[in-house]
Amino acid sequence: MIPFPQIARRWIIRALPALCALAALPVPAAEPLIVVEDHGGTSALPYYEVLNLQPRPAGGGKPSFAFPAQTSPMPPITPRQASEADMLPVRSARLTPGTVVRRVIEAPGLQAFFLVGDDEASHAWLRRHAASLRERGAVGLVVNVASAAALARLRAAAPGLQLAPVAADELAERLGVRHYPVLITSTGIEQ
């Protein structure tokens, strides 16, 4: 068995040229930030200015900036509530107004819901079926609507029904539905 001091000496002798080469390499100076591409947006500079970072003397492996003893208070952030208007316009590319052939499905426990859009067929369908939809407790998904005013006109056509703007392409694909207005219940799809 080779004693430890000899192993350490052999390692140092083998590693010494590499360590000397590393020590001889120049240390690059801190280079300024280069922006490769700017996609616009808002500058983050005000957030960094609030931190009031002060330069530190270089050396000792410490960061080049330090937090000051007292920092300025952060400006208040007021969250903005998203509104229904923020969801508009809604477009469901896979759904169009048209005729729906009645078919049976088995979806026990599914709450009745219906799909409508901002078109004459949907407005007429809502007026004709509003009472039945209310009795079933059906919820309406407005799958194609351009504005808050158009959504309000749909709601006026069926008072007392809950209507929400929702893009429904994936839902339509899963249900095999291509047209609206349509009612989906736990037992069937019908117009």
C-alpha atoms as a PDB file:
ATOM      1  CA  MET A   1       0.000   0.000   0.000  1.00  0.00           C
ATOM      2  CA  ILE A   2       1.278   3.448  -0.941  1.00  0.00           C
ATOM      3  CA  PRO A   3       1.315   5.924   1.956  1.00  0.00           C
ATOM      4  CA  PHE A   4      -1.048   8.926   1.665  1.00  0.00           C
ATOM      5  CA  PRO A   5       1.709  11.595   1.439  1.00  0.00           C
ATOM      6  CA  GLN A   6       3.105   9.870  -1.660  1.00  0.00           C
ATOM      7  CA  ILE A   7      -0.352   9.743  -3.285  1.00  0.00           C
ATOM      8  CA  ALA A   8      -0.869  13.431  -2.579  1.00  0.00           C
ATOM      9  CA  ARG A   9       2.573  14.289  -3.955  1.00  0.00           C
ATOM     10  CA  ARG A  10       1.913  12.319  -7.173  1.00  0.00           C
ATOM     11  CA  TRP A  11      -1.438  14.051  -7.627  1.00  0.00           C
ATOM     12  CA  ILE A  12       0.093  17.504  -7.094  1.00  0.00           C
ATOM     13  CA  ILE A  13       2.910  16.762  -9.562  1.00  0.00           C
ATOM     14  CA  ARG A  14       0.387  15.622 -12.206  1.00  0.00           C
ATOM     15  CA  ALA A  15      -2.063  18.473 -11.590  1.00  0.00           C
ATOM     16  CA  LEU A  16       0.520  21.273 -11.267  1.00  0.00           C
ATOM     17  CA  PRO A  17       0.836  22.035 -15.009  1.00  0.00           C
ATOM     18  CA  ALA A  18      -2.950  22.311 -15.363  1.00  0.00           C
ATOM     19  CA  LEU A  19      -3.235  24.561 -12.301  1.00  0.00           C
ATOM     20  CA  CYS A  20      -0.449  26.819 -13.633  1.00  0.00           C
ATOM     21  CA  ALA A  21      -2.187  27.046 -17.018  1.00  0.00           C
ATOM     22  CA  LEU A  22      -5.459  28.058 -15.335  1.00  0.00           C
ATOM     23  CA  ALA A  23      -3.713  30.695 -13.227  1.00  0.00           C
ATOM     24  CA  ALA A  24      -2.094  32.202 -16.352  1.00  0.00           C
ATOM     25  CA  LEU A  25      -5.432  32.702 -18.117  1.00  0.00           C
ATOM     26  CA  PRO A  26      -6.605  36.305 -18.268  1.00  0.00           C
ATOM     27  CA  VAL A  27      -9.676  37.119 -16.179  1.00  0.00           C
ATOM     28  CA  PRO A  28     -12.279  38.731 -18.420  1.00  0.00           C
ATOM     29  CA  ALA A  29     -13.597  42.092 -17.283  1.00  0.00           C
ATOM     30  CA  ALA A  30     -17.319  42.420 -16.670  1.00  0.00           C
ATOM     31  CA  GLU A  31     -18.798  43.224 -20.041  1.00  0.00           C
ATOM     32  CA  PRO A  32     -21.925  45.275 -20.556  1.00  0.00           C
ATOM     33  CA  LEU A  33     -25.195  43.497 -21.238  1.00  0.00           C
ATOM     34  CA  ILE A  34     -25.799  42.924 -24.926  1.00  0.00           C
ATOM     35  CA  VAL A  35     -29.453  42.838 -25.988  1.00  0.00           C
ATOM     36  CA  VAL A  36     -29.778  40.273 -28.768  1.00  0.00           C
ATOM     37  CA  GLU A  37     -33.432  40.919 -29.516  1.00  0.00           C
ATOM     38  CA  ASP A  38     -36.004  43.283 -28.081  1.00  0.00           C
ATOM     39  CA  HIS A  39     -39.654  42.247 -28.254  1.00  0.00           C
ATOM     40  CA  GLY A  40     -40.863  45.496 -26.738  1.00  0.00           C
ATOM     41  CA  GLY A  41     -42.752  45.557 -23.477  1.00  0.00           C
ATOM     42  CA  THR A  42     -42.193  47.608 -20.380  1.00  0.00           C
ATOM     43  CA  SER A  43     -38.796  48.338 -18.933  1.00  0.00           C
ATOM     44  CA  ALA A  44     -37.935  46.621 -15.642  1.00  0.00           C
ATOM     45  CA  LEU A  45     -35.661  49.517 -14.677  1.00  0.00           C
ATOM     46  CA  PRO A  46     -38.143  51.078 -12.180  1.00  0.00           C
ATOM     47  CA  TYR A  47     -38.162  47.831 -10.196  1.00  0.00           C
ATOM     48  CA  TYR A  48     -34.364  47.800  -9.999  1.00  0.00           C
ATOM     49  CA  GLU A  49     -34.213  51.499  -9.097  1.00  0.00           C
ATOM     50  CA  VAL A  50     -36.486  50.845  -6.109  1.00  0.00           C
ATOM     51  CA  LEU A  51     -33.842  48.428  -4.797  1.00  0.00           C
ATOM     52  CA  ASN A  52     -31.375  51.352  -4.726  1.00  0.00           C
ATOM     53  CA  LEU A  53     -28.375  49.057  -5.192  1.00  0.00           C
ATOM     54  CA  GLN A  54     -25.026  50.625  -4.296  1.00  0.00           C
ATOM     55  CA  PRO A  55     -21.753  49.575  -5.940  1.00  0.00           C
ATOM     56  CA  ARG A  56     -19.320  47.618  -3.737  1.00  0.00           C
ATOM     57  CA  PRO A  57     -15.575  47.576  -4.042  1.00  0.00           C
ATOM     58  CA  ALA A  58     -14.422  44.668  -6.224  1.00  0.00           C
ATOM     59  CA  GLY A  59     -12.610  41.702  -4.756  1.00  0.00           C
ATOM     60  CA  GLY A  60     -13.148  38.920  -2.298  1.00  0.00           C
ATOM     61  CA  GLY A  61     -15.581  37.117  -4.581  1.00  0.00           C
ATOM     62  CA  LYS A  62     -18.419  39.260  -3.285  1.00  0.00           C
ATOM     63  CA  PRO A  63     -21.199  40.560  -5.511  1.00  0.00           C
ATOM     64  CA  SER A  64     -20.523  43.897  -7.174  1.00  0.00           C
ATOM     65  CA  PHE A  65     -23.734  45.372  -5.735  1.00  0.00           C
ATOM     66  CA  ALA A  66     -25.167  45.362  -2.226  1.00  0.00           C
ATOM     67  CA  PHE A  67     -28.503  46.235  -0.722  1.00  0.00           C
ATOM     68  CA  PRO A  68     -28.359  49.542   1.144  1.00  0.00           C
ATOM     69  CA  ALA A  69     -29.037  49.667   4.861  1.00  0.00           C
ATOM     70  CA  GLN A  70     -32.398  51.352   4.232  1.00  0.00           C
ATOM     71  CA  THR A  71     -34.383  50.709   1.107  1.00  0.00           C
ATOM     72  CA  SER A  72     -37.058  52.861  -0.437  1.00  0.00           C
ATOM     73  CA  PRO A  73     -40.564  51.509  -0.017  1.00  0.00           C
ATOM     74  CA  MET A  74     -41.953  49.568  -2.963  1.00  0.00           C
ATOM     75  CA  PRO A  75     -44.621  51.406  -4.910  1.00  0.00           C
ATOM     76  CA  PRO A  76     -48.042  49.911  -4.234  1.00  0.00           C
ATOM     77  CA  ILE A  77     -49.193  47.356  -6.764  1.00  0.00           C
ATOM     78  CA  THR A  78     -52.900  47.483  -7.429  1.00  0.00           C
ATOM     79  CA  PRO A  79     -54.096  44.286  -9.054  1.00  0.00           C
ATOM     80  CA  ARG A  80     -56.675  44.768 -11.751  1.00  0.00           C
ATOM     81  CA  GLN A  81     -59.588  42.388 -11.712  1.00  0.00           C
ATOM     82  CA  ALA A  82     -60.150  40.696 -15.056  1.00  0.00           C
ATOM     83  CA  SER A  83     -63.576  41.389 -16.427  1.00  0.00           C
ATOM     84  CA  GLU A  84     -65.770  39.475 -18.787  1.00  0.00           C
ATOM     85  CA  ALA A  85     -64.980  42.058 -21.470  1.00  0.00           C
ATOM     86  CA  ASP A  86     -61.314  40.967 -21.231  1.00  0.00           C
ATOM     87  CA  MET A  87     -62.355  37.539 -22.538  1.00  0.00           C
ATOM     88  CA  LEU A  88     -63.906  38.977 -25.692  1.00  0.00           C
ATOM     89  CA  PRO A  89     -63.971  38.420 -28.578  1.00  0.00           C
ATOM     90  CA  VAL A  90     -64.528  34.668 -28.385  1.00  0.00           C
ATOM     91  CA  ARG A  91     -64.027  32.580 -31.505  1.00  0.00           C
ATOM     92  CA  SER A  92     -64.543  28.841 -31.787  1.00  0.00           C
ATOM     93  CA  ALA A  93     -63.228  27.976 -35.249  1.00  0.00           C
ATOM     94  CA  ARG A  94     -64.606  24.411 -35.232  1.00  0.00           C
ATOM     95  CA  LEU A  95     -68.172  25.495 -34.459  1.00  0.00           C
ATOM     96  CA  THR A  96     -70.581  27.195 -36.850  1.00  0.00           C
ATOM     97  CA  PRO A  97     -74.325  27.848 -36.859  1.00  0.00           C
ATOM     98  CA  GLY A  98     -76.177  24.935 -38.401  1.00  0.00           C
ATOM     99  CA  THR A  99     -78.442  21.946 -37.991  1.00  0.00           C
ATOM    100  CA  VAL A 100     -77.671  19.376 -35.300  1.00  0.00           C
ATOM    101  CA  VAL A 101     -78.906  15.798 -35.632  1.00  0.00           C
ATOM    102  CA  ARG A 102     -80.244  14.427 -32.344  1.00  0.00           C
ATOM    103  CA  ARG A 103     -78.222  11.586 -30.836  1.00  0.00           C
ATOM    104  CA  VAL A 104     -78.064   9.681 -27.590  1.00  0.00           C
ATOM    105  CA  ILE A 105     -75.091   9.863 -25.234  1.00  0.00           C
ATOM    106  CA  GLU A 106     -74.436   8.365 -21.829  1.00  0.00           C
ATOM    107  CA  ALA A 107     -72.903  10.898 -19.444  1.00  0.00           C
ATOM    108  CA  PRO A 108     -74.442  10.279 -16.024  1.00  0.00           C
ATOM    109  CA  GLY A 109     -74.223  13.307 -13.743  1.00  0.00           C
ATOM    110  CA  LEU A 110     -73.539  15.788 -16.540  1.00  0.00           C
ATOM    111  CA  GLN A 111     -75.299  19.104 -15.901  1.00  0.00           C
ATOM    112  CA  ALA A 112     -77.270  20.304 -18.901  1.00  0.00           C
ATOM    113  CA  PHE A 113     -75.554  23.008 -20.923  1.00  0.00           C
ATOM    114  CA  PHE A 114     -75.968  24.566 -24.317  1.00  0.00           C
ATOM    115  CA  LEU A 115     -73.817  26.208 -26.964  1.00  0.00           C
ATOM    116  CA  VAL A 116     -74.923  29.368 -28.767  1.00  0.00           C
ATOM    117  CA  GLY A 117     -73.329  32.177 -30.737  1.00  0.00           C
ATOM    118  CA  ASP A 118     -74.140  35.709 -31.715  1.00  0.00           C
ATOM    119  CA  ASP A 119     -76.166  34.885 -34.818  1.00  0.00           C
ATOM    120  CA  GLU A 120     -79.847  35.002 -35.741  1.00  0.00           C
ATOM    121  CA  ALA A 121     -80.359  31.221 -35.373  1.00  0.00           C
ATOM    122  CA  SER A 122     -78.985  31.283 -31.808  1.00  0.00           C
ATOM    123  CA  HIS A 123     -81.076  34.322 -30.828  1.00  0.00           C
ATOM    124  CA  ALA A 124     -84.260  32.659 -32.128  1.00  0.00           C
ATOM    125  CA  TRP A 125     -83.351  29.310 -30.493  1.00  0.00           C
ATOM    126  CA  LEU A 126     -82.746  31.005 -27.142  1.00  0.00           C
ATOM    127  CA  ARG A 127     -86.094  32.840 -27.256  1.00  0.00           C
ATOM    128  CA  ARG A 128     -87.905  29.606 -28.205  1.00  0.00           C
ATOM    129  CA  HIS A 129     -86.216  27.361 -25.588  1.00  0.00           C
ATOM    130  CA  ALA A 130     -85.521  29.792 -22.701  1.00  0.00           C
ATOM    131  CA  ALA A 131     -88.230  28.402 -20.384  1.00  0.00           C
ATOM    132  CA  SER A 132     -87.162  24.780 -20.947  1.00  0.00           C
ATOM    133  CA  LEU A 133     -83.486  25.653 -20.437  1.00  0.00           C
ATOM    134  CA  ARG A 134     -84.284  27.450 -17.154  1.00  0.00           C
ATOM    135  CA  GLU A 135     -86.297  24.425 -15.902  1.00  0.00           C
ATOM    136  CA  ARG A 136     -83.336  22.115 -16.616  1.00  0.00           C
ATOM    137  CA  GLY A 137     -80.898  24.493 -14.933  1.00  0.00           C
ATOM    138  CA  ALA A 138     -78.854  24.551 -18.159  1.00  0.00           C
ATOM    139  CA  VAL A 139     -75.825  26.813 -18.409  1.00  0.00           C
ATOM    140  CA  GLY A 140     -75.062  28.540 -21.693  1.00  0.00           C
ATOM    141  CA  LEU A 141     -71.661  28.744 -23.340  1.00  0.00           C
ATOM    142  CA  VAL A 142     -71.445  31.522 -25.902  1.00  0.00           C
ATOM    143  CA  VAL A 143     -68.902  30.098 -28.324  1.00  0.00           C
ATOM    144  CA  ASN A 144     -68.764  32.888 -30.918  1.00  0.00           C
ATOM    145  CA  VAL A 145     -69.306  36.476 -29.830  1.00  0.00           C
ATOM    146  CA  ALA A 146     -67.439  39.655 -30.731  1.00  0.00           C
ATOM    147  CA  SER A 147     -68.308  42.197 -28.048  1.00  0.00           C
ATOM    148  CA  ALA A 148     -69.867  42.876 -24.672  1.00  0.00           C
ATOM    149  CA  ALA A 149     -72.828  44.516 -26.432  1.00  0.00           C
ATOM    150  CA  ALA A 150     -73.445  41.366 -28.500  1.00  0.00           C
ATOM    151  CA  LEU A 151     -73.264  39.240 -25.337  1.00  0.00           C
ATOM    152  CA  ALA A 152     -75.771  41.573 -23.645  1.00  0.00           C
ATOM    153  CA  ARG A 153     -78.197  41.121 -26.586  1.00  0.00           C
ATOM    154  CA  LEU A 154     -77.967  37.333 -26.162  1.00  0.00           C
ATOM    155  CA  ARG A 155     -78.690  37.653 -22.447  1.00  0.00           C
ATOM    156  CA  ALA A 156     -81.672  39.872 -23.197  1.00  0.00           C
ATOM    157  CA  ALA A 157     -83.062  37.144 -25.487  1.00  0.00           C
ATOM    158  CA  ALA A 158     -83.063  34.671 -22.570  1.00  0.00           C
ATOM    159  CA  PRO A 159     -83.456  36.448 -19.211  1.00  0.00           C
ATOM    160  CA  GLY A 160     -82.627  34.331 -16.190  1.00  0.00           C
ATOM    161  CA  LEU A 161     -80.200  32.057 -18.021  1.00  0.00           C
ATOM    162  CA  GLN A 162     -76.536  32.013 -17.197  1.00  0.00           C
ATOM    163  CA  LEU A 163     -74.455  32.757 -20.331  1.00  0.00           C
ATOM    164  CA  ALA A 164     -70.662  32.779 -20.336  1.00  0.00           C
ATOM    165  CA  PRO A 165     -68.275  33.503 -23.224  1.00  0.00           C
ATOM    166  CA  VAL A 166     -66.125  30.408 -23.786  1.00  0.00           C
ATOM    167  CA  ALA A 167     -63.971  29.171 -26.675  1.00  0.00           C
ATOM    168  CA  ALA A 168     -65.219  25.621 -27.110  1.00  0.00           C
ATOM    169  CA  ASP A 169     -63.219  24.017 -29.927  1.00  0.00           C
ATOM    170  CA  GLU A 170     -61.809  21.242 -27.728  1.00  0.00           C
ATOM    171  CA  LEU A 171     -65.183  20.576 -26.116  1.00  0.00           C
ATOM    172  CA  ALA A 172     -66.833  20.403 -29.551  1.00  0.00           C
ATOM    173  CA  GLU A 173     -64.205  17.950 -30.735  1.00  0.00           C
ATOM    174  CA  ARG A 174     -64.683  15.685 -27.704  1.00  0.00           C
ATOM    175  CA  LEU A 175     -68.465  15.712 -28.117  1.00  0.00           C
ATOM    176  CA  GLY A 176     -68.366  15.370 -31.898  1.00  0.00           C
ATOM    177  CA  VAL A 177     -70.373  18.591 -32.288  1.00  0.00           C
ATOM    178  CA  ARG A 178     -69.809  20.880 -35.278  1.00  0.00           C
ATOM    179  CA  HIS A 179     -72.831  23.173 -35.143  1.00  0.00           C
ATOM    180  CA  TYR A 180     -74.838  25.259 -32.692  1.00  0.00           C
ATOM    181  CA  PRO A 181     -77.247  26.153 -31.153  1.00  0.00           C
ATOM    182  CA  VAL A 182     -77.250  22.831 -29.341  1.00  0.00           C
ATOM    183  CA  LEU A 183     -78.323  21.412 -25.981  1.00  0.00           C
ATOM    184  CA  ILE A 184     -76.149  18.753 -24.310  1.00  0.00           C
ATOM    185  CA  THR A 185     -77.602  16.724 -21.445  1.00  0.00           C
ATOM    186  CA  SER A 186     -76.536  13.561 -19.646  1.00  0.00           C
ATOM    187  CA  THR A 187     -78.614  11.519 -22.116  1.00  0.00           C
ATOM    188  CA  GLY A 188     -78.353  13.327 -25.442  1.00  0.00           C
ATOM    189  CA  ILE A 189     -77.311  16.041 -27.829  1.00  0.00           C
ATOM    190  CA  GLU A 190     -80.152  17.878 -29.533  1.00  0.00           C
ATOM    191  CA  GLN A 191     -81.224  21.113 -31.091  1.00  0.00           C
END
